[in-house]
N, C-alpha and C. Protein backbone atom coordinates (compact mmCIF):
# COMPACT_ATOMS: atom_id res chain seq x y z
N MET A 1 14.81 -5.00 -7.15
CA MET A 1 14.08 -3.93 -7.81
C MET A 1 14.74 -2.59 -7.51
N ARG A 2 14.71 -1.69 -8.52
CA ARG A 2 15.18 -0.33 -8.27
C ARG A 2 14.07 0.45 -7.58
N HIS A 3 14.45 1.35 -6.70
CA HIS A 3 13.49 2.17 -5.95
C HIS A 3 12.61 3.02 -6.87
N GLY A 4 11.54 3.55 -6.31
CA GLY A 4 10.66 4.45 -7.05
C GLY A 4 11.32 5.79 -7.31
N ARG A 5 10.69 6.58 -8.14
CA ARG A 5 11.23 7.88 -8.54
C ARG A 5 11.32 8.83 -7.34
N THR A 6 12.44 9.56 -7.26
CA THR A 6 12.69 10.47 -6.14
C THR A 6 12.71 11.92 -6.60
N LEU A 7 12.82 12.82 -5.63
CA LEU A 7 12.92 14.24 -5.93
C LEU A 7 14.14 14.53 -6.80
N MET A 8 15.29 13.97 -6.45
CA MET A 8 16.50 14.24 -7.22
C MET A 8 16.47 13.58 -8.60
N ASN A 9 15.79 12.45 -8.73
CA ASN A 9 15.57 11.87 -10.06
C ASN A 9 14.80 12.86 -10.93
N THR A 10 13.76 13.44 -10.34
CA THR A 10 12.90 14.37 -11.07
C THR A 10 13.67 15.63 -11.48
N LEU A 11 14.56 16.10 -10.61
CA LEU A 11 15.36 17.28 -10.90
C LEU A 11 16.57 16.97 -11.77
N ASP A 12 16.73 15.68 -12.12
CA ASP A 12 17.84 15.21 -12.95
C ASP A 12 19.19 15.51 -12.30
N ARG A 13 19.27 15.23 -11.00
CA ARG A 13 20.49 15.44 -10.24
C ARG A 13 21.16 14.11 -9.92
N VAL A 14 22.47 14.13 -9.78
CA VAL A 14 23.23 12.93 -9.43
C VAL A 14 22.86 12.51 -8.01
N GLN A 15 22.44 11.27 -7.86
CA GLN A 15 21.98 10.77 -6.56
C GLN A 15 22.62 9.42 -6.28
N GLY A 16 23.75 9.47 -5.63
CA GLY A 16 24.43 8.25 -5.24
C GLY A 16 24.27 8.05 -3.75
N TRP A 17 25.29 8.49 -2.99
CA TRP A 17 25.17 8.44 -1.54
C TRP A 17 24.27 9.55 -1.03
N CYS A 18 24.10 10.62 -1.83
CA CYS A 18 23.09 11.62 -1.48
C CYS A 18 21.72 10.96 -1.56
N ASP A 19 20.76 11.50 -0.84
CA ASP A 19 19.46 10.85 -0.77
C ASP A 19 18.35 11.89 -0.86
N SER A 20 17.21 11.46 -1.35
CA SER A 20 16.03 12.32 -1.35
C SER A 20 14.80 11.42 -1.29
N PRO A 21 13.68 11.94 -0.83
CA PRO A 21 12.47 11.12 -0.67
C PRO A 21 11.81 10.80 -2.00
N LEU A 22 10.95 9.80 -1.99
CA LEU A 22 10.15 9.48 -3.16
C LEU A 22 9.18 10.62 -3.44
N THR A 23 8.97 10.91 -4.71
CA THR A 23 7.92 11.84 -5.09
C THR A 23 6.58 11.12 -4.98
N LEU A 24 5.49 11.86 -5.17
CA LEU A 24 4.17 11.22 -5.18
C LEU A 24 4.10 10.16 -6.27
N GLU A 25 4.72 10.46 -7.41
CA GLU A 25 4.77 9.48 -8.50
C GLU A 25 5.54 8.23 -8.08
N GLY A 26 6.65 8.45 -7.37
CA GLY A 26 7.46 7.32 -6.91
C GLY A 26 6.72 6.46 -5.90
N GLN A 27 5.96 7.11 -5.02
CA GLN A 27 5.15 6.36 -4.05
C GLN A 27 4.05 5.58 -4.75
N GLU A 28 3.45 6.21 -5.74
CA GLU A 28 2.36 5.57 -6.46
C GLU A 28 2.82 4.33 -7.22
N VAL A 29 3.98 4.42 -7.89
CA VAL A 29 4.45 3.27 -8.66
C VAL A 29 4.88 2.14 -7.73
N ALA A 30 5.40 2.47 -6.54
CA ALA A 30 5.75 1.43 -5.57
C ALA A 30 4.48 0.69 -5.12
N LYS A 31 3.41 1.44 -4.94
CA LYS A 31 2.13 0.82 -4.58
C LYS A 31 1.65 -0.09 -5.70
N TYR A 32 1.78 0.37 -6.94
CA TYR A 32 1.38 -0.46 -8.09
C TYR A 32 2.18 -1.76 -8.15
N VAL A 33 3.49 -1.66 -7.88
CA VAL A 33 4.32 -2.86 -7.87
C VAL A 33 3.84 -3.84 -6.81
N GLY A 34 3.54 -3.31 -5.63
CA GLY A 34 3.03 -4.17 -4.56
C GLY A 34 1.76 -4.88 -4.97
N LEU A 35 0.84 -4.15 -5.59
CA LEU A 35 -0.41 -4.75 -6.06
C LEU A 35 -0.14 -5.77 -7.16
N GLY A 36 0.83 -5.46 -8.02
CA GLY A 36 1.18 -6.38 -9.10
C GLY A 36 1.89 -7.63 -8.63
N MET A 37 2.38 -7.62 -7.38
CA MET A 37 3.07 -8.77 -6.82
C MET A 37 2.22 -9.49 -5.77
N LYS A 38 0.94 -9.24 -5.74
CA LYS A 38 0.07 -9.83 -4.72
C LYS A 38 0.14 -11.35 -4.69
N ASP A 39 0.37 -11.97 -5.85
CA ASP A 39 0.39 -13.43 -5.92
C ASP A 39 1.78 -14.01 -5.66
N ILE A 40 2.74 -13.16 -5.26
CA ILE A 40 4.10 -13.62 -4.96
C ILE A 40 4.36 -13.44 -3.47
N PRO A 41 4.33 -14.51 -2.69
CA PRO A 41 4.60 -14.37 -1.25
C PRO A 41 6.10 -14.22 -0.98
N PHE A 42 6.46 -13.23 -0.18
CA PHE A 42 7.86 -13.04 0.20
C PHE A 42 8.08 -13.51 1.63
N ARG A 43 9.18 -14.21 1.83
CA ARG A 43 9.53 -14.62 3.19
C ARG A 43 10.29 -13.50 3.91
N SER A 44 11.13 -12.80 3.15
CA SER A 44 11.95 -11.74 3.73
C SER A 44 12.06 -10.58 2.75
N ALA A 45 12.47 -9.42 3.26
CA ALA A 45 12.67 -8.25 2.41
C ALA A 45 13.92 -7.51 2.88
N TYR A 46 14.67 -6.99 1.92
CA TYR A 46 15.91 -6.27 2.20
C TYR A 46 15.93 -4.97 1.39
N CYS A 47 16.68 -4.00 1.88
CA CYS A 47 16.87 -2.75 1.14
C CYS A 47 18.22 -2.16 1.53
N SER A 48 18.61 -1.09 0.86
CA SER A 48 19.86 -0.44 1.24
C SER A 48 19.62 0.43 2.47
N THR A 49 20.66 1.08 2.92
CA THR A 49 20.55 1.95 4.09
C THR A 49 20.11 3.37 3.71
N LEU A 50 19.79 3.58 2.44
CA LEU A 50 19.34 4.89 1.98
C LEU A 50 17.82 4.97 2.03
N ARG A 51 17.32 6.14 2.40
CA ARG A 51 15.90 6.35 2.67
C ARG A 51 14.99 5.93 1.51
N ARG A 52 15.41 6.20 0.28
CA ARG A 52 14.53 5.96 -0.86
C ARG A 52 14.20 4.49 -1.07
N THR A 53 15.12 3.60 -0.69
CA THR A 53 14.81 2.18 -0.83
C THR A 53 13.92 1.70 0.31
N ARG A 54 14.12 2.27 1.50
CA ARG A 54 13.28 1.86 2.63
C ARG A 54 11.84 2.32 2.40
N GLN A 55 11.66 3.52 1.88
CA GLN A 55 10.32 3.99 1.55
C GLN A 55 9.66 3.05 0.55
N THR A 56 10.41 2.67 -0.46
CA THR A 56 9.88 1.83 -1.53
C THR A 56 9.45 0.47 -1.01
N VAL A 57 10.30 -0.18 -0.23
CA VAL A 57 9.98 -1.53 0.23
C VAL A 57 8.80 -1.50 1.21
N ASP A 58 8.72 -0.48 2.04
CA ASP A 58 7.60 -0.39 2.99
C ASP A 58 6.27 -0.25 2.25
N ILE A 59 6.26 0.57 1.19
CA ILE A 59 5.03 0.77 0.42
C ILE A 59 4.63 -0.51 -0.30
N ILE A 60 5.60 -1.19 -0.89
CA ILE A 60 5.31 -2.43 -1.61
C ILE A 60 4.72 -3.48 -0.68
N LEU A 61 5.35 -3.69 0.45
CA LEU A 61 4.89 -4.73 1.38
C LEU A 61 3.49 -4.43 1.90
N LYS A 62 3.23 -3.16 2.21
CA LYS A 62 1.91 -2.79 2.69
C LYS A 62 0.86 -3.00 1.60
N ALA A 63 1.17 -2.61 0.36
CA ALA A 63 0.22 -2.73 -0.74
C ALA A 63 -0.13 -4.17 -1.06
N LYS A 64 0.83 -5.08 -0.88
CA LYS A 64 0.57 -6.48 -1.20
C LYS A 64 0.08 -7.30 0.00
N GLY A 65 -0.15 -6.61 1.11
CA GLY A 65 -0.70 -7.30 2.28
C GLY A 65 0.32 -8.03 3.12
N GLN A 66 1.62 -7.65 3.01
CA GLN A 66 2.64 -8.27 3.84
C GLN A 66 3.38 -7.22 4.67
N GLY A 67 2.63 -6.26 5.16
CA GLY A 67 3.22 -5.20 5.95
C GLY A 67 3.81 -5.67 7.27
N ASN A 68 3.57 -6.92 7.63
CA ASN A 68 4.13 -7.48 8.86
C ASN A 68 5.62 -7.82 8.73
N ILE A 69 6.12 -7.88 7.49
CA ILE A 69 7.54 -8.18 7.29
C ILE A 69 8.37 -6.95 7.64
N GLN A 70 9.40 -7.12 8.44
CA GLN A 70 10.31 -6.04 8.81
C GLN A 70 11.52 -6.07 7.89
N PRO A 71 11.66 -5.11 6.98
CA PRO A 71 12.80 -5.11 6.05
C PRO A 71 14.12 -4.97 6.79
N ILE A 72 15.14 -5.61 6.25
CA ILE A 72 16.48 -5.54 6.81
C ILE A 72 17.32 -4.63 5.92
N GLU A 73 17.95 -3.62 6.51
CA GLU A 73 18.75 -2.67 5.75
C GLU A 73 20.20 -3.18 5.64
N ILE A 74 20.71 -3.20 4.41
CA ILE A 74 22.06 -3.69 4.13
C ILE A 74 22.87 -2.58 3.47
N ASP A 75 23.97 -2.18 4.09
CA ASP A 75 24.77 -1.08 3.57
C ASP A 75 25.38 -1.40 2.20
N GLY A 76 25.68 -2.68 1.97
CA GLY A 76 26.30 -3.08 0.71
C GLY A 76 25.42 -2.88 -0.51
N PHE A 77 24.12 -2.68 -0.31
CA PHE A 77 23.20 -2.47 -1.43
C PHE A 77 23.03 -0.99 -1.79
N ARG A 78 23.71 -0.09 -1.06
CA ARG A 78 23.53 1.33 -1.34
C ARG A 78 24.05 1.67 -2.75
N GLU A 79 23.65 2.83 -3.23
CA GLU A 79 24.05 3.25 -4.57
C GLU A 79 25.55 3.53 -4.63
N ALA A 80 26.08 3.56 -5.84
CA ALA A 80 27.48 3.94 -6.05
C ALA A 80 27.70 5.35 -5.53
N GLY A 81 28.88 5.59 -4.99
CA GLY A 81 29.24 6.94 -4.56
C GLY A 81 29.89 7.68 -5.71
N PHE A 82 29.37 8.86 -6.05
CA PHE A 82 29.87 9.62 -7.19
C PHE A 82 30.76 10.79 -6.80
N GLY A 83 31.17 10.82 -5.55
CA GLY A 83 32.14 11.82 -5.11
C GLY A 83 31.70 13.25 -5.33
N SER A 84 32.58 14.06 -5.93
CA SER A 84 32.31 15.49 -6.11
C SER A 84 31.18 15.77 -7.10
N PHE A 85 30.72 14.75 -7.82
CA PHE A 85 29.60 14.93 -8.74
C PHE A 85 28.24 14.84 -8.03
N GLU A 86 28.24 14.38 -6.78
CA GLU A 86 26.99 14.20 -6.05
C GLU A 86 26.17 15.50 -6.00
N SER A 87 24.88 15.35 -6.30
CA SER A 87 23.87 16.40 -6.29
C SER A 87 24.00 17.40 -7.44
N GLY A 88 25.02 17.23 -8.29
CA GLY A 88 25.13 18.08 -9.47
C GLY A 88 24.25 17.56 -10.60
N LYS A 89 24.26 18.24 -11.71
CA LYS A 89 23.45 17.83 -12.86
C LYS A 89 23.98 16.52 -13.45
N ASN A 90 23.07 15.60 -13.73
CA ASN A 90 23.47 14.32 -14.33
C ASN A 90 24.22 14.54 -15.64
N LEU A 91 23.73 15.45 -16.47
CA LEU A 91 24.34 15.66 -17.78
C LEU A 91 25.81 16.05 -17.65
N ARG A 92 26.12 16.88 -16.66
CA ARG A 92 27.51 17.30 -16.48
C ARG A 92 28.40 16.10 -16.17
N MET A 93 27.96 15.22 -15.29
CA MET A 93 28.76 14.06 -14.93
C MET A 93 28.94 13.12 -16.12
N TRP A 94 27.83 12.82 -16.81
CA TRP A 94 27.92 11.86 -17.91
C TRP A 94 28.67 12.44 -19.11
N GLU A 95 28.55 13.74 -19.33
CA GLU A 95 29.33 14.36 -20.41
C GLU A 95 30.81 14.38 -20.08
N SER A 96 31.12 14.61 -18.81
CA SER A 96 32.52 14.59 -18.38
C SER A 96 33.12 13.20 -18.62
N ALA A 97 32.35 12.16 -18.27
CA ALA A 97 32.82 10.79 -18.49
C ALA A 97 32.96 10.51 -19.98
N ALA A 98 32.02 11.01 -20.77
CA ALA A 98 32.07 10.79 -22.22
C ALA A 98 33.32 11.43 -22.82
N PHE A 99 33.62 12.67 -22.46
CA PHE A 99 34.80 13.35 -23.00
C PHE A 99 36.08 12.64 -22.56
N PHE A 100 36.08 12.16 -21.31
CA PHE A 100 37.24 11.43 -20.80
C PHE A 100 37.49 10.16 -21.61
N LEU A 101 36.41 9.54 -22.07
CA LEU A 101 36.51 8.31 -22.86
C LEU A 101 36.53 8.58 -24.36
N HIS A 102 36.75 9.85 -24.71
CA HIS A 102 36.93 10.27 -26.11
C HIS A 102 35.65 10.20 -26.95
N TYR A 103 34.52 10.46 -26.31
CA TYR A 103 33.25 10.61 -27.04
C TYR A 103 32.94 12.09 -27.17
N LYS A 104 32.17 12.44 -28.19
CA LYS A 104 31.79 13.83 -28.40
C LYS A 104 30.59 14.24 -27.55
N SER A 105 29.84 13.24 -27.06
CA SER A 105 28.67 13.55 -26.24
C SER A 105 28.31 12.36 -25.36
N ALA A 106 27.51 12.64 -24.32
CA ALA A 106 27.01 11.57 -23.45
C ALA A 106 26.10 10.64 -24.24
N GLU A 107 25.36 11.21 -25.18
CA GLU A 107 24.45 10.39 -26.00
C GLU A 107 25.21 9.38 -26.84
N ALA A 108 26.33 9.82 -27.42
CA ALA A 108 27.14 8.90 -28.23
C ALA A 108 27.70 7.78 -27.38
N MET A 109 28.13 8.12 -26.17
CA MET A 109 28.65 7.11 -25.24
C MET A 109 27.55 6.12 -24.87
N TYR A 110 26.36 6.63 -24.56
CA TYR A 110 25.26 5.77 -24.17
C TYR A 110 24.84 4.86 -25.31
N ASN A 111 24.87 5.36 -26.54
CA ASN A 111 24.53 4.53 -27.70
C ASN A 111 25.50 3.36 -27.83
N ASP A 112 26.76 3.60 -27.50
CA ASP A 112 27.74 2.52 -27.55
C ASP A 112 27.55 1.52 -26.42
N VAL A 113 27.00 1.98 -25.29
CA VAL A 113 26.65 1.05 -24.21
C VAL A 113 25.57 0.10 -24.71
N LEU A 114 24.55 0.65 -25.35
CA LEU A 114 23.45 -0.17 -25.88
C LEU A 114 23.94 -1.13 -26.95
N ALA A 115 24.95 -0.70 -27.69
CA ALA A 115 25.49 -1.54 -28.77
C ALA A 115 26.53 -2.53 -28.26
N GLY A 116 26.84 -2.48 -26.97
CA GLY A 116 27.81 -3.40 -26.40
C GLY A 116 29.25 -3.06 -26.70
N LYS A 117 29.52 -1.81 -27.12
CA LYS A 117 30.89 -1.41 -27.47
C LYS A 117 31.65 -0.85 -26.28
N ILE A 118 30.93 -0.50 -25.23
CA ILE A 118 31.54 0.02 -24.01
C ILE A 118 30.70 -0.46 -22.83
N THR A 119 31.32 -0.60 -21.69
CA THR A 119 30.62 -1.16 -20.54
C THR A 119 30.34 -0.10 -19.47
N PHE A 120 29.40 -0.41 -18.59
CA PHE A 120 29.14 0.44 -17.44
C PHE A 120 30.39 0.55 -16.56
N ARG A 121 31.17 -0.51 -16.56
CA ARG A 121 32.42 -0.52 -15.77
C ARG A 121 33.33 0.62 -16.20
N ALA A 122 33.51 0.77 -17.50
CA ALA A 122 34.39 1.81 -18.02
C ALA A 122 33.87 3.20 -17.68
N ILE A 123 32.55 3.37 -17.74
CA ILE A 123 31.96 4.69 -17.49
C ILE A 123 32.08 5.07 -16.01
N LEU A 124 31.74 4.15 -15.11
CA LEU A 124 31.82 4.47 -13.69
C LEU A 124 33.27 4.69 -13.27
N ASN A 125 34.19 3.94 -13.84
CA ASN A 125 35.60 4.13 -13.52
C ASN A 125 36.12 5.47 -14.05
N ALA A 126 35.54 5.93 -15.15
CA ALA A 126 35.89 7.27 -15.66
C ALA A 126 35.44 8.34 -14.68
N VAL A 127 34.24 8.17 -14.11
CA VAL A 127 33.74 9.11 -13.10
C VAL A 127 34.68 9.14 -11.90
N LYS A 128 35.15 7.98 -11.50
CA LYS A 128 36.08 7.93 -10.36
C LYS A 128 37.37 8.67 -10.69
N GLU A 129 37.89 8.48 -11.89
CA GLU A 129 39.12 9.17 -12.28
C GLU A 129 38.95 10.68 -12.29
N LEU A 130 37.75 11.14 -12.64
CA LEU A 130 37.49 12.57 -12.77
C LEU A 130 37.12 13.24 -11.44
N ASP A 131 36.81 12.45 -10.43
CA ASP A 131 36.38 12.99 -9.14
C ASP A 131 37.56 13.70 -8.45
N LYS A 132 37.49 15.02 -8.36
CA LYS A 132 38.60 15.80 -7.83
C LYS A 132 38.82 15.61 -6.33
N PHE A 133 37.81 15.09 -5.62
CA PHE A 133 37.94 14.86 -4.18
C PHE A 133 38.36 13.43 -3.85
N ASN A 134 38.47 12.60 -4.86
CA ASN A 134 38.87 11.19 -4.68
C ASN A 134 37.94 10.46 -3.72
N MET A 135 36.64 10.73 -3.84
CA MET A 135 35.64 10.09 -2.97
C MET A 135 34.75 9.11 -3.73
N ALA A 136 34.76 9.18 -5.06
CA ALA A 136 33.89 8.33 -5.87
C ALA A 136 34.36 6.88 -5.80
N GLU A 137 33.41 5.96 -5.95
CA GLU A 137 33.73 4.53 -5.95
C GLU A 137 34.01 4.04 -7.36
N SER A 138 34.87 3.06 -7.46
CA SER A 138 35.09 2.39 -8.74
C SER A 138 33.98 1.37 -8.96
N TYR A 139 33.83 0.94 -10.20
CA TYR A 139 32.84 -0.10 -10.51
C TYR A 139 33.13 -1.36 -9.70
N GLU A 140 34.42 -1.69 -9.60
CA GLU A 140 34.81 -2.91 -8.88
C GLU A 140 34.43 -2.84 -7.40
N GLN A 141 34.55 -1.67 -6.81
CA GLN A 141 34.17 -1.52 -5.40
C GLN A 141 32.68 -1.75 -5.20
N VAL A 142 31.87 -1.17 -6.08
CA VAL A 142 30.42 -1.33 -5.97
C VAL A 142 30.03 -2.78 -6.24
N GLU A 143 30.63 -3.37 -7.27
CA GLU A 143 30.34 -4.76 -7.62
C GLU A 143 30.67 -5.69 -6.46
N GLN A 144 31.83 -5.49 -5.85
CA GLN A 144 32.27 -6.38 -4.78
C GLN A 144 31.34 -6.33 -3.57
N ARG A 145 30.99 -5.12 -3.12
CA ARG A 145 30.16 -5.02 -1.92
C ARG A 145 28.72 -5.46 -2.19
N ALA A 146 28.20 -5.15 -3.38
CA ALA A 146 26.82 -5.52 -3.69
C ALA A 146 26.69 -7.03 -3.86
N GLN A 147 27.63 -7.64 -4.57
CA GLN A 147 27.58 -9.09 -4.75
C GLN A 147 27.82 -9.83 -3.44
N ALA A 148 28.70 -9.31 -2.60
CA ALA A 148 28.95 -9.95 -1.30
C ALA A 148 27.68 -9.92 -0.46
N SER A 149 26.95 -8.81 -0.50
CA SER A 149 25.71 -8.70 0.26
C SER A 149 24.65 -9.64 -0.29
N LEU A 150 24.56 -9.72 -1.62
CA LEU A 150 23.59 -10.61 -2.25
C LEU A 150 23.88 -12.07 -1.89
N ARG A 151 25.15 -12.44 -1.95
CA ARG A 151 25.50 -13.83 -1.63
C ARG A 151 25.25 -14.14 -0.16
N ALA A 152 25.54 -13.20 0.71
CA ALA A 152 25.34 -13.43 2.15
C ALA A 152 23.87 -13.70 2.46
N ILE A 153 22.96 -12.91 1.90
CA ILE A 153 21.54 -13.14 2.21
C ILE A 153 21.02 -14.37 1.48
N ALA A 154 21.57 -14.66 0.29
CA ALA A 154 21.14 -15.86 -0.44
C ALA A 154 21.51 -17.12 0.34
N GLU A 155 22.72 -17.16 0.86
CA GLU A 155 23.16 -18.32 1.63
C GLU A 155 22.35 -18.47 2.91
N GLU A 156 22.08 -17.36 3.57
CA GLU A 156 21.30 -17.40 4.82
C GLU A 156 19.87 -17.84 4.55
N GLU A 157 19.26 -17.29 3.50
CA GLU A 157 17.88 -17.64 3.18
C GLU A 157 17.77 -19.08 2.70
N ALA A 158 18.76 -19.55 1.94
CA ALA A 158 18.72 -20.91 1.40
C ALA A 158 18.73 -21.96 2.50
N GLU A 159 19.33 -21.64 3.63
CA GLU A 159 19.36 -22.58 4.75
C GLU A 159 17.95 -22.81 5.32
N LYS A 160 17.04 -21.89 5.06
CA LYS A 160 15.66 -22.01 5.55
C LYS A 160 14.75 -22.70 4.54
N GLY A 161 15.30 -23.02 3.36
CA GLY A 161 14.49 -23.64 2.31
C GLY A 161 14.14 -22.65 1.21
N ASP A 162 13.55 -23.15 0.14
CA ASP A 162 13.20 -22.30 -1.00
C ASP A 162 12.15 -21.26 -0.62
N ALA A 163 12.33 -20.05 -1.16
CA ALA A 163 11.36 -18.98 -0.90
C ALA A 163 11.68 -17.80 -1.80
N ASN A 164 10.72 -16.87 -1.88
CA ASN A 164 10.94 -15.62 -2.60
C ASN A 164 11.42 -14.56 -1.63
N VAL A 165 12.40 -13.77 -2.07
CA VAL A 165 12.98 -12.72 -1.25
C VAL A 165 12.98 -11.43 -2.07
N LEU A 166 12.58 -10.34 -1.44
CA LEU A 166 12.54 -9.04 -2.12
C LEU A 166 13.74 -8.19 -1.70
N VAL A 167 14.44 -7.63 -2.69
CA VAL A 167 15.57 -6.73 -2.44
C VAL A 167 15.33 -5.43 -3.20
N ILE A 168 15.38 -4.30 -2.52
CA ILE A 168 15.25 -3.00 -3.16
C ILE A 168 16.60 -2.30 -3.11
N ALA A 169 17.13 -1.95 -4.27
CA ALA A 169 18.44 -1.28 -4.33
C ALA A 169 18.37 -0.12 -5.32
N HIS A 170 19.46 0.12 -6.04
CA HIS A 170 19.61 1.33 -6.86
C HIS A 170 20.09 0.98 -8.27
N GLY A 171 19.94 1.93 -9.18
CA GLY A 171 20.27 1.68 -10.57
C GLY A 171 21.66 1.13 -10.81
N MET A 172 22.68 1.88 -10.41
CA MET A 172 24.05 1.45 -10.69
C MET A 172 24.46 0.29 -9.79
N SER A 173 23.98 0.24 -8.55
CA SER A 173 24.38 -0.86 -7.67
C SER A 173 23.78 -2.18 -8.16
N ILE A 174 22.58 -2.13 -8.74
CA ILE A 174 21.98 -3.35 -9.29
C ILE A 174 22.74 -3.79 -10.53
N VAL A 175 23.07 -2.84 -11.39
CA VAL A 175 23.84 -3.16 -12.59
C VAL A 175 25.17 -3.80 -12.21
N ALA A 176 25.91 -3.17 -11.29
CA ALA A 176 27.20 -3.72 -10.88
C ALA A 176 27.05 -5.08 -10.21
N MET A 177 25.96 -5.27 -9.49
CA MET A 177 25.70 -6.53 -8.80
C MET A 177 25.44 -7.68 -9.77
N LEU A 178 24.69 -7.40 -10.83
CA LEU A 178 24.17 -8.49 -11.65
C LEU A 178 24.83 -8.71 -13.01
N MET A 179 25.53 -7.72 -13.53
CA MET A 179 26.05 -7.86 -14.89
C MET A 179 26.97 -9.07 -15.05
N SER A 180 27.90 -9.28 -14.12
CA SER A 180 28.84 -10.40 -14.25
C SER A 180 28.23 -11.73 -13.83
N LEU A 181 26.98 -11.70 -13.33
CA LEU A 181 26.28 -12.94 -12.97
C LEU A 181 25.36 -13.40 -14.09
N GLY A 182 25.40 -12.69 -15.22
CA GLY A 182 24.56 -13.03 -16.36
C GLY A 182 23.66 -11.90 -16.82
N GLY A 183 23.65 -10.81 -16.07
CA GLY A 183 22.81 -9.68 -16.43
C GLY A 183 23.21 -9.02 -17.73
N ASP A 184 24.49 -9.15 -18.11
CA ASP A 184 24.95 -8.55 -19.36
C ASP A 184 24.25 -9.15 -20.58
N LYS A 185 23.67 -10.32 -20.41
CA LYS A 185 22.99 -10.99 -21.53
C LYS A 185 21.52 -10.59 -21.63
N VAL A 186 20.97 -9.98 -20.58
CA VAL A 186 19.53 -9.68 -20.60
C VAL A 186 19.20 -8.20 -20.45
N LEU A 187 20.13 -7.38 -19.96
CA LEU A 187 19.83 -5.95 -19.77
C LEU A 187 19.99 -5.20 -21.08
N LYS A 188 18.94 -4.56 -21.48
CA LYS A 188 18.95 -3.72 -22.68
C LYS A 188 18.49 -2.32 -22.30
N GLY A 189 19.42 -1.39 -22.23
CA GLY A 189 19.07 -0.03 -21.91
C GLY A 189 19.19 0.33 -20.45
N HIS A 190 18.71 1.52 -20.12
CA HIS A 190 18.79 2.10 -18.77
C HIS A 190 17.85 1.36 -17.82
N LEU A 191 18.31 1.10 -16.59
CA LEU A 191 17.47 0.44 -15.59
C LEU A 191 16.52 1.48 -14.99
N GLU A 192 15.24 1.31 -15.25
CA GLU A 192 14.24 2.31 -14.88
C GLU A 192 13.88 2.23 -13.39
N ASN A 193 13.35 3.35 -12.88
CA ASN A 193 12.77 3.32 -11.54
C ASN A 193 11.66 2.27 -11.48
N ALA A 194 11.61 1.52 -10.40
CA ALA A 194 10.61 0.47 -10.16
C ALA A 194 10.76 -0.73 -11.09
N ALA A 195 11.87 -0.83 -11.80
CA ALA A 195 12.11 -1.99 -12.65
C ALA A 195 12.54 -3.19 -11.80
N VAL A 196 11.99 -4.35 -12.14
CA VAL A 196 12.25 -5.58 -11.37
C VAL A 196 13.24 -6.46 -12.11
N CYS A 197 14.14 -7.07 -11.37
CA CYS A 197 15.10 -8.05 -11.91
C CYS A 197 14.88 -9.36 -11.17
N LYS A 198 14.76 -10.44 -11.91
CA LYS A 198 14.53 -11.74 -11.29
C LYS A 198 15.83 -12.54 -11.29
N VAL A 199 16.24 -12.98 -10.10
CA VAL A 199 17.49 -13.73 -9.92
C VAL A 199 17.20 -15.00 -9.15
N THR A 200 17.70 -16.11 -9.64
CA THR A 200 17.53 -17.40 -8.96
C THR A 200 18.87 -17.83 -8.36
N TYR A 201 18.80 -18.35 -7.12
CA TYR A 201 20.00 -18.86 -6.45
C TYR A 201 19.78 -20.34 -6.17
N GLU A 202 20.66 -21.17 -6.70
CA GLU A 202 20.52 -22.62 -6.52
C GLU A 202 21.90 -23.28 -6.50
N ARG A 203 22.12 -24.08 -5.48
CA ARG A 203 23.39 -24.81 -5.31
C ARG A 203 24.60 -23.88 -5.40
N GLY A 204 24.48 -22.72 -4.79
CA GLY A 204 25.61 -21.80 -4.72
C GLY A 204 25.82 -20.93 -5.93
N GLU A 205 24.94 -21.04 -6.92
CA GLU A 205 25.11 -20.28 -8.16
C GLU A 205 23.91 -19.36 -8.40
N PHE A 206 24.20 -18.17 -8.95
CA PHE A 206 23.16 -17.22 -9.31
C PHE A 206 22.85 -17.31 -10.80
N SER A 207 21.60 -17.09 -11.13
CA SER A 207 21.17 -17.03 -12.53
C SER A 207 20.25 -15.82 -12.69
N VAL A 208 20.65 -14.88 -13.55
CA VAL A 208 19.83 -13.70 -13.79
C VAL A 208 18.86 -14.02 -14.93
N GLU A 209 17.59 -14.11 -14.59
CA GLU A 209 16.58 -14.50 -15.57
C GLU A 209 16.02 -13.32 -16.35
N SER A 210 15.90 -12.17 -15.70
CA SER A 210 15.38 -10.99 -16.39
C SER A 210 15.80 -9.73 -15.65
N MET A 211 15.83 -8.60 -16.37
CA MET A 211 16.13 -7.31 -15.77
C MET A 211 15.24 -6.25 -16.42
N ASN A 212 15.02 -5.17 -15.69
CA ASN A 212 14.28 -4.02 -16.22
C ASN A 212 12.83 -4.35 -16.57
N ASP A 213 12.22 -5.21 -15.77
CA ASP A 213 10.84 -5.64 -16.00
C ASP A 213 9.87 -4.67 -15.30
N LEU A 214 9.09 -3.96 -16.10
CA LEU A 214 8.13 -3.00 -15.55
C LEU A 214 6.71 -3.55 -15.55
N SER A 215 6.55 -4.83 -15.83
CA SER A 215 5.22 -5.42 -15.95
C SER A 215 4.47 -5.47 -14.61
N TYR A 216 5.19 -5.56 -13.51
CA TYR A 216 4.52 -5.63 -12.20
C TYR A 216 3.83 -4.30 -11.89
N ALA A 217 4.51 -3.21 -12.18
CA ALA A 217 3.91 -1.89 -11.97
C ALA A 217 2.70 -1.71 -12.86
N GLU A 218 2.80 -2.14 -14.10
CA GLU A 218 1.68 -2.01 -15.03
C GLU A 218 0.51 -2.88 -14.61
N ARG A 219 0.80 -4.09 -14.14
CA ARG A 219 -0.25 -4.99 -13.67
C ARG A 219 -0.98 -4.38 -12.48
N GLY A 220 -0.24 -3.80 -11.57
CA GLY A 220 -0.86 -3.16 -10.40
C GLY A 220 -1.67 -1.95 -10.77
N ARG A 221 -1.17 -1.18 -11.73
CA ARG A 221 -1.89 0.01 -12.17
C ARG A 221 -3.23 -0.37 -12.79
N LEU A 222 -3.23 -1.41 -13.59
CA LEU A 222 -4.46 -1.86 -14.25
C LEU A 222 -5.47 -2.45 -13.25
N ALA A 223 -4.93 -2.91 -12.10
CA ALA A 223 -5.82 -3.52 -11.11
C ALA A 223 -6.54 -2.48 -10.24
N THR A 224 -6.12 -1.23 -10.32
CA THR A 224 -6.73 -0.19 -9.47
C THR A 224 -7.92 0.47 -10.17
């Protein structure tokens, strides 16, 4: 699941390795997700090493009555690093990437993403090329560390038998993690805050069943 809405999300600022706390809205939707997941028992919970995911997972577990679970922080699940674009306006970064890829606007580029004419890989790699400090991560770097972390916990958890496991990460890190595992066939549009992705691990293979599912938050909201 992607974390709840944060201060920098609200200000429309680039938030990769930079971090900010959940807003009241972000805390509320995390609570709704927890309530919407009351009938799903989790054996373990994981999050990135960034504050916004830890806040989210703690709220969810408490809301669903599993506050006794101690989440494990995994650095490989952190958001993509956007280098010199960090904390700047999102529009500036995405427009810069669009112009680099020969689009007239960020909107035109995004429309082609939805149409399957361009990939998130190309866009994130454009950001890396444009980063004047050479600190931004490539899509491949994010994909490799996120998938390695996912596989490591899947293998460890599978040794204990079948169970549900909760992972809280970030928009781009989730996209990079899941697209080549089958997510490219189910993701339509931007991955929203508090959106849930369902992934099954069996006999060493991952299957992405759904992405960008906001029904858990809605179910929890209706239950209050």
